Amino acid sequence: MDDEAVVERLCAIVARVVGAPRVPADAGAGTPLRDGGLWLDSMELLQVVIACEAEFGITFEPAEDLLGDGLETLGTLADVIRRRSPSLSRAAGAPELSS
């Protein structure tokens, strides 16, 4: 799954959490999750994080993933998801580890 597909899935998750009218038609990787973009408050952002864990079959590490830039834009959140999901990482061309 490429970056654009992950961002599209994230837009769908946000639409389920806050309603489709809150997701601009031109939302993309650079769209901020908070001010100036999707305007998610802390509870909505938490709901999106929980929904992402269920949707992508991952578990975020709060101290690593949910601080700093990881929750700035749809693209930075997609990067965190790709890093946490072995299947998405392999799909992006990352080498598989052999046992």
N, C-alpha and C. Protein backbone atom coordinates (compact mmCIF):
# COMPACT_ATOMS: atom_id res chain seq x y z
N MET A 1 0.85 -1.18 0.00
CA MET A 1 0.00 0.00 0.00
C MET A 1 0.89 1.24 0.00
N ASP A 2 0.65 2.13 -0.93
CA ASP A 2 1.49 3.32 -1.02
C ASP A 2 1.01 4.41 -0.05
N ASP A 3 1.82 5.46 0.05
CA ASP A 3 1.53 6.54 1.00
C ASP A 3 0.15 7.16 0.75
N GLU A 4 -0.19 7.35 -0.51
CA GLU A 4 -1.48 7.97 -0.84
C GLU A 4 -2.64 7.11 -0.35
N ALA A 5 -2.52 5.81 -0.48
CA ALA A 5 -3.58 4.91 -0.02
C ALA A 5 -3.72 4.95 1.50
N VAL A 6 -2.60 5.04 2.21
CA VAL A 6 -2.66 5.14 3.67
C VAL A 6 -3.33 6.45 4.07
N VAL A 7 -2.98 7.54 3.41
CA VAL A 7 -3.60 8.84 3.71
C VAL A 7 -5.10 8.80 3.41
N GLU A 8 -5.49 8.15 2.32
CA GLU A 8 -6.92 8.02 2.00
C GLU A 8 -7.66 7.26 3.10
N ARG A 9 -7.05 6.18 3.59
CA ARG A 9 -7.67 5.43 4.69
C ARG A 9 -7.75 6.29 5.95
N LEU A 10 -6.73 7.10 6.19
CA LEU A 10 -6.76 8.01 7.34
C LEU A 10 -7.90 9.02 7.20
N CYS A 11 -8.11 9.54 6.01
CA CYS A 11 -9.21 10.49 5.79
C CYS A 11 -10.55 9.81 6.09
N ALA A 12 -10.68 8.56 5.69
CA ALA A 12 -11.92 7.83 5.97
C ALA A 12 -12.10 7.62 7.47
N ILE A 13 -11.02 7.33 8.18
CA ILE A 13 -11.09 7.18 9.63
C ILE A 13 -11.53 8.48 10.28
N VAL A 14 -10.90 9.59 9.88
CA VAL A 14 -11.27 10.89 10.44
C VAL A 14 -12.73 11.19 10.14
N ALA A 15 -13.19 10.89 8.94
CA ALA A 15 -14.59 11.14 8.58
C ALA A 15 -15.53 10.33 9.47
N ARG A 16 -15.16 9.10 9.81
CA ARG A 16 -15.99 8.29 10.71
C ARG A 16 -16.01 8.88 12.11
N VAL A 17 -14.90 9.43 12.55
CA VAL A 17 -14.80 9.96 13.91
C VAL A 17 -15.52 11.30 14.04
N VAL A 18 -15.28 12.22 13.11
CA VAL A 18 -15.81 13.59 13.26
C VAL A 18 -16.87 13.97 12.24
N GLY A 19 -17.12 13.11 11.28
CA GLY A 19 -18.10 13.42 10.25
C GLY A 19 -17.44 13.87 8.96
N ALA A 20 -17.97 13.41 7.86
CA ALA A 20 -17.40 13.71 6.54
C ALA A 20 -17.27 15.20 6.24
N PRO A 21 -18.23 16.05 6.66
CA PRO A 21 -18.10 17.47 6.35
C PRO A 21 -16.83 18.13 6.91
N ARG A 22 -16.22 17.52 7.94
CA ARG A 22 -15.01 18.10 8.53
C ARG A 22 -13.75 17.76 7.74
N VAL A 23 -13.85 16.85 6.77
CA VAL A 23 -12.68 16.44 6.00
C VAL A 23 -12.75 17.12 4.63
N PRO A 24 -11.86 18.09 4.38
CA PRO A 24 -11.89 18.79 3.10
C PRO A 24 -11.63 17.84 1.94
N ALA A 25 -12.23 18.12 0.81
CA ALA A 25 -12.05 17.28 -0.38
C ALA A 25 -10.59 17.22 -0.81
N ASP A 26 -9.83 18.27 -0.54
CA ASP A 26 -8.43 18.30 -0.96
C ASP A 26 -7.47 17.87 0.15
N ALA A 27 -7.98 17.18 1.19
CA ALA A 27 -7.12 16.72 2.28
C ALA A 27 -6.07 15.78 1.72
N GLY A 28 -4.85 15.96 2.18
CA GLY A 28 -3.75 15.12 1.72
C GLY A 28 -2.70 15.00 2.81
N ALA A 29 -1.55 14.49 2.45
CA ALA A 29 -0.47 14.23 3.40
C ALA A 29 -0.09 15.48 4.20
N GLY A 30 -0.16 16.65 3.60
CA GLY A 30 0.24 17.87 4.28
C GLY A 30 -0.83 18.51 5.14
N THR A 31 -2.02 17.92 5.19
CA THR A 31 -3.12 18.50 5.95
C THR A 31 -2.87 18.33 7.45
N PRO A 32 -2.81 19.44 8.20
CA PRO A 32 -2.62 19.34 9.65
C PRO A 32 -3.80 18.63 10.32
N LEU A 33 -3.49 17.85 11.33
CA LEU A 33 -4.54 17.16 12.08
C LEU A 33 -5.28 18.12 13.01
N ARG A 34 -4.60 19.16 13.44
CA ARG A 34 -5.20 20.09 14.40
C ARG A 34 -5.50 21.42 13.72
N ASP A 35 -5.03 22.50 14.31
CA ASP A 35 -5.32 23.84 13.82
C ASP A 35 -4.89 24.02 12.37
N GLY A 36 -5.75 24.67 11.60
CA GLY A 36 -5.44 24.98 10.22
C GLY A 36 -5.67 23.83 9.26
N GLY A 37 -6.24 22.74 9.74
CA GLY A 37 -6.47 21.58 8.88
C GLY A 37 -7.78 20.90 9.23
N LEU A 38 -7.66 19.79 9.95
CA LEU A 38 -8.85 19.03 10.32
C LEU A 38 -9.45 19.49 11.65
N TRP A 39 -8.73 20.32 12.37
CA TRP A 39 -9.19 20.93 13.61
C TRP A 39 -9.62 19.89 14.65
N LEU A 40 -8.87 18.80 14.77
CA LEU A 40 -9.20 17.78 15.75
C LEU A 40 -8.81 18.26 17.14
N ASP A 41 -9.73 18.09 18.09
CA ASP A 41 -9.37 18.39 19.47
C ASP A 41 -8.73 17.13 20.07
N SER A 42 -8.33 17.19 21.32
CA SER A 42 -7.58 16.08 21.91
C SER A 42 -8.40 14.79 21.97
N MET A 43 -9.69 14.87 22.26
CA MET A 43 -10.53 13.67 22.30
C MET A 43 -10.71 13.08 20.90
N GLU A 44 -10.93 13.93 19.92
CA GLU A 44 -11.07 13.43 18.54
C GLU A 44 -9.77 12.79 18.06
N LEU A 45 -8.66 13.40 18.41
CA LEU A 45 -7.36 12.86 18.02
C LEU A 45 -7.16 11.49 18.67
N LEU A 46 -7.53 11.35 19.93
CA LEU A 46 -7.43 10.07 20.62
C LEU A 46 -8.31 9.02 19.92
N GLN A 47 -9.51 9.40 19.54
CA GLN A 47 -10.40 8.48 18.84
C GLN A 47 -9.80 8.06 17.50
N VAL A 48 -9.17 8.98 16.80
CA VAL A 48 -8.51 8.65 15.53
C VAL A 48 -7.36 7.67 15.77
N VAL A 49 -6.57 7.91 16.80
CA VAL A 49 -5.45 7.02 17.12
C VAL A 49 -5.96 5.61 17.41
N ILE A 50 -7.00 5.50 18.23
CA ILE A 50 -7.57 4.19 18.56
C ILE A 50 -8.13 3.51 17.31
N ALA A 51 -8.82 4.27 16.47
CA ALA A 51 -9.37 3.72 15.24
C ALA A 51 -8.25 3.26 14.30
N CYS A 52 -7.13 3.99 14.27
CA CYS A 52 -5.99 3.58 13.44
C CYS A 52 -5.40 2.27 13.92
N GLU A 53 -5.31 2.11 15.24
CA GLU A 53 -4.80 0.85 15.77
C GLU A 53 -5.66 -0.32 15.31
N ALA A 54 -6.98 -0.15 15.36
CA ALA A 54 -7.89 -1.21 14.93
C ALA A 54 -7.83 -1.42 13.42
N GLU A 55 -7.85 -0.34 12.67
CA GLU A 55 -7.88 -0.41 11.20
C GLU A 55 -6.61 -1.04 10.62
N PHE A 56 -5.47 -0.68 11.16
CA PHE A 56 -4.20 -1.13 10.59
C PHE A 56 -3.56 -2.28 11.37
N GLY A 57 -4.20 -2.71 12.47
CA GLY A 57 -3.67 -3.83 13.25
C GLY A 57 -2.34 -3.53 13.90
N ILE A 58 -2.21 -2.32 14.44
CA ILE A 58 -0.96 -1.89 15.05
C ILE A 58 -1.21 -1.44 16.47
N THR A 59 -0.13 -1.24 17.19
CA THR A 59 -0.19 -0.63 18.52
C THR A 59 0.83 0.50 18.55
N PHE A 60 0.35 1.69 18.82
CA PHE A 60 1.25 2.83 18.93
C PHE A 60 2.03 2.75 20.24
N GLU A 61 3.25 3.21 20.23
CA GLU A 61 4.06 3.38 21.42
C GLU A 61 3.97 4.86 21.79
N PRO A 62 3.20 5.19 22.83
CA PRO A 62 2.95 6.60 23.14
C PRO A 62 4.21 7.46 23.25
N ALA A 63 5.22 6.97 23.93
CA ALA A 63 6.43 7.78 24.13
C ALA A 63 7.19 8.01 22.84
N GLU A 64 7.03 7.12 21.87
CA GLU A 64 7.74 7.25 20.60
C GLU A 64 6.89 7.86 19.50
N ASP A 65 5.63 7.44 19.43
CA ASP A 65 4.79 7.76 18.27
C ASP A 65 3.87 8.95 18.47
N LEU A 66 3.48 9.20 19.69
CA LEU A 66 2.44 10.19 19.92
C LEU A 66 2.96 11.50 20.48
N LEU A 67 4.26 11.66 20.47
CA LEU A 67 4.89 12.91 20.88
C LEU A 67 5.65 13.48 19.69
N GLY A 68 5.92 14.74 19.72
CA GLY A 68 6.69 15.34 18.63
C GLY A 68 5.86 15.50 17.37
N ASP A 69 6.47 15.18 16.23
CA ASP A 69 5.85 15.44 14.93
C ASP A 69 4.90 14.35 14.45
N GLY A 70 4.80 13.22 15.13
CA GLY A 70 4.01 12.09 14.66
C GLY A 70 2.55 12.40 14.44
N LEU A 71 2.02 13.36 15.17
CA LEU A 71 0.61 13.70 15.04
C LEU A 71 0.41 15.11 14.48
N GLU A 72 1.32 15.56 13.65
CA GLU A 72 1.21 16.91 13.06
C GLU A 72 0.28 16.94 11.85
N THR A 73 0.49 16.03 10.91
CA THR A 73 -0.28 16.04 9.65
C THR A 73 -0.75 14.62 9.34
N LEU A 74 -1.61 14.50 8.35
CA LEU A 74 -2.01 13.16 7.89
C LEU A 74 -0.79 12.38 7.42
N GLY A 75 0.15 13.05 6.80
CA GLY A 75 1.35 12.39 6.29
C GLY A 75 2.26 11.89 7.40
N THR A 76 2.43 12.68 8.46
CA THR A 76 3.30 12.22 9.55
C THR A 76 2.64 11.07 10.30
N LEU A 77 1.32 11.09 10.43
CA LEU A 77 0.62 9.98 11.05
C LEU A 77 0.73 8.74 10.16
N ALA A 78 0.63 8.91 8.86
CA ALA A 78 0.80 7.78 7.93
C ALA A 78 2.21 7.19 8.06
N ASP A 79 3.21 8.04 8.24
CA ASP A 79 4.58 7.55 8.43
C ASP A 79 4.69 6.68 9.68
N VAL A 80 4.07 7.12 10.76
CA VAL A 80 4.11 6.34 12.00
C VAL A 80 3.41 5.00 11.79
N ILE A 81 2.27 5.02 11.11
CA ILE A 81 1.54 3.78 10.85
C ILE A 81 2.38 2.83 10.01
N ARG A 82 3.02 3.34 8.98
CA ARG A 82 3.87 2.49 8.13
C ARG A 82 5.03 1.90 8.94
N ARG A 83 5.58 2.68 9.84
CA ARG A 83 6.69 2.20 10.67
C ARG A 83 6.21 1.09 11.62
N ARG A 84 4.99 1.20 12.11
CA ARG A 84 4.46 0.22 13.07
C ARG A 84 3.88 -1.02 12.38
N SER A 85 3.59 -0.95 11.11
CA SER A 85 2.95 -2.07 10.42
C SER A 85 3.95 -2.77 9.51
N PRO A 86 4.38 -3.96 9.87
CA PRO A 86 5.34 -4.69 9.03
C PRO A 86 4.81 -4.91 7.60
N SER A 87 3.52 -5.18 7.45
CA SER A 87 2.99 -5.44 6.12
C SER A 87 3.02 -4.18 5.25
N LEU A 88 2.76 -3.02 5.85
CA LEU A 88 2.81 -1.78 5.08
C LEU A 88 4.26 -1.41 4.77
N SER A 89 5.17 -1.68 5.68
CA SER A 89 6.58 -1.39 5.43
C SER A 89 7.11 -2.22 4.29
N ARG A 90 6.77 -3.51 4.25
CA ARG A 90 7.22 -4.38 3.16
C ARG A 90 6.61 -3.93 1.84
N ALA A 91 5.33 -3.52 1.90
CA ALA A 91 4.67 -3.08 0.67
C ALA A 91 5.34 -1.84 0.10
N ALA A 92 5.96 -1.06 0.96
CA ALA A 92 6.61 0.16 0.51
C ALA A 92 8.00 -0.12 -0.04
N GLY A 93 8.41 -1.39 0.00
CA GLY A 93 9.72 -1.72 -0.56
C GLY A 93 10.79 -1.91 0.46
N ALA A 94 10.45 -1.86 1.75
CA ALA A 94 11.45 -2.11 2.78
C ALA A 94 11.83 -3.58 2.75
N PRO A 95 13.07 -3.90 2.93
CA PRO A 95 13.47 -5.30 2.86
C PRO A 95 12.91 -6.10 4.01
N GLU A 96 12.54 -7.36 3.72
CA GLU A 96 12.08 -8.25 4.76
C GLU A 96 13.28 -8.84 5.46
N LEU A 97 13.16 -9.05 6.75
CA LEU A 97 14.23 -9.68 7.51
C LEU A 97 14.10 -11.19 7.37
N SER A 98 15.20 -11.85 7.10
CA SER A 98 15.15 -13.30 7.01
C SER A 98 15.60 -13.90 8.33
N SER A 99 14.99 -15.02 8.65
CA SER A 99 15.31 -15.67 9.94
C SER A 99 16.48 -16.59 9.81
